[in-house]
Protein backbone atom coordinates (compact mmCIF):
# COMPACT_ATOMS: atom_id res chain seq x y z
CA MET A 1 24.31 -8.72 29.04
CA LYS A 2 22.37 -5.61 30.00
CA TYR A 3 23.91 -3.69 27.09
CA ILE A 4 22.99 -6.40 24.61
CA TYR A 5 19.37 -6.26 25.80
CA ILE A 6 19.33 -2.47 25.40
CA LEU A 7 20.89 -2.69 21.94
CA LEU A 8 18.37 -5.30 20.78
CA THR A 9 15.47 -3.25 22.16
CA VAL A 10 16.65 -0.14 20.31
CA MET A 11 17.11 -2.09 17.08
CA ILE A 12 13.60 -3.53 17.33
CA LEU A 13 12.07 -0.11 18.00
CA VAL A 14 13.92 1.48 15.08
CA GLY A 15 12.86 -1.38 12.80
CA CYS A 16 9.23 -1.04 13.86
CA LYS A 17 9.29 2.69 13.23
CA GLU A 18 10.64 2.19 9.70
CA ASN A 19 8.02 -0.47 8.92
CA ASN A 20 5.21 1.81 10.05
CA LYS A 21 6.08 4.70 7.74
CA GLU A 22 2.91 6.26 6.49
CA MET A 23 2.40 5.75 2.79
CA GLU A 24 1.34 8.76 0.76
CA ALA A 25 -1.59 8.57 -1.63
CA PHE A 26 -0.58 8.12 -5.25
CA THR A 27 -1.42 11.01 -7.57
CA LYS A 28 0.12 9.59 -10.77
CA LEU A 29 -1.11 6.49 -12.58
CA GLU A 30 2.35 5.24 -13.50
CA ASP A 31 3.60 5.53 -9.90
CA ALA A 32 0.66 3.46 -8.62
CA ARG A 33 1.17 0.81 -11.32
CA ASN A 34 4.88 0.56 -10.55
CA TYR A 35 4.20 0.27 -6.82
CA VAL A 36 1.81 -2.64 -7.40
CA THR A 37 4.25 -4.40 -9.74
CA GLU A 38 7.26 -3.97 -7.46
CA SER A 39 5.81 -4.05 -3.94
CA PHE A 40 2.70 -6.22 -3.76
CA ASP A 41 3.92 -9.52 -2.28
CA GLU A 42 2.15 -9.98 1.07
CA LYS A 43 -1.11 -11.83 1.70
CA GLU A 44 -2.89 -8.50 2.33
CA GLU A 45 -1.97 -5.21 0.71
CA ILE A 46 -3.28 -1.66 0.69
CA LEU A 47 -3.09 1.03 -1.94
CA MET A 48 -3.73 4.71 -1.24
CA ILE A 49 -5.08 6.59 -4.26
CA SER A 50 -5.74 10.34 -4.25
CA ASP A 51 -9.19 11.57 -5.23
CA GLU A 52 -7.69 13.36 -8.23
CA LEU A 53 -6.53 9.99 -9.62
CA ASN A 54 -10.01 8.48 -9.10
CA ASP A 55 -11.51 9.72 -12.36
CA ALA A 56 -15.28 9.74 -13.00
CA MET A 57 -15.13 6.89 -15.56
CA GLY A 58 -12.97 4.70 -13.35
CA MET A 59 -10.38 4.17 -16.07
CA ASN A 60 -7.37 4.80 -13.84
CA MET A 61 -8.50 2.24 -11.25
CA ALA A 62 -9.28 -0.22 -14.05
CA ILE A 63 -5.69 0.10 -15.30
CA ILE A 64 -4.25 -0.21 -11.78
CA GLY A 65 -6.67 -3.03 -10.94
CA ASP A 66 -5.56 -5.03 -13.96
CA GLY A 67 -2.06 -5.32 -12.49
CA ILE A 68 -3.46 -6.15 -9.06
CA LEU A 69 -5.62 -8.95 -10.46
CA LYS A 70 -2.68 -10.33 -12.47
CA LYS A 71 -0.77 -10.73 -9.19
CA GLY A 72 -3.63 -12.81 -7.78
CA TYR A 73 -5.21 -10.24 -5.46
CA MET A 74 -8.92 -9.65 -5.00
CA PRO A 75 -10.54 -6.46 -3.71
CA LYS A 76 -11.40 -6.41 -0.01
CA GLY A 77 -13.09 -2.99 0.16
CA PHE A 78 -11.94 0.57 0.61
CA GLU A 79 -12.06 3.43 3.09
CA GLN A 80 -12.73 7.00 2.00
CA LYS A 81 -10.47 9.52 3.73
CA ASP A 82 -10.10 13.26 3.25
CA GLY A 83 -8.62 13.57 -0.24
CA TYR A 84 -7.85 9.88 -0.88
CA ARG A 85 -9.08 6.31 -0.64
CA ILE A 86 -7.39 3.34 0.97
CA TYR A 87 -8.05 0.30 -1.22
CA LYS A 88 -7.59 -3.10 0.42
CA TYR A 89 -6.61 -6.31 -1.38
CA GLU A 90 -6.09 -9.92 -0.39
CA ARG A 91 -4.82 -13.13 -1.99
CA GLU A 92 -4.85 -16.74 -0.91
């Protein structure tokens, strides 16, 4: 019984570590669009976009945002970090 408890504890810790992998900021428009299309499925999502992808006109975020809105998400703010932004989204 003790070994089963240890095994389950290790499995939970390994699973938690994998789920908490740090996402890297997207630097390519197509990669960000594909990520949204393939991975956005939770009630709340985040998207890390590098400053170099945040163009002055906002065209890249408009293109990415179109896919986000099509999936039913609404913006919930962003955080500016060193070299990237963390955009937050939510759906009902």
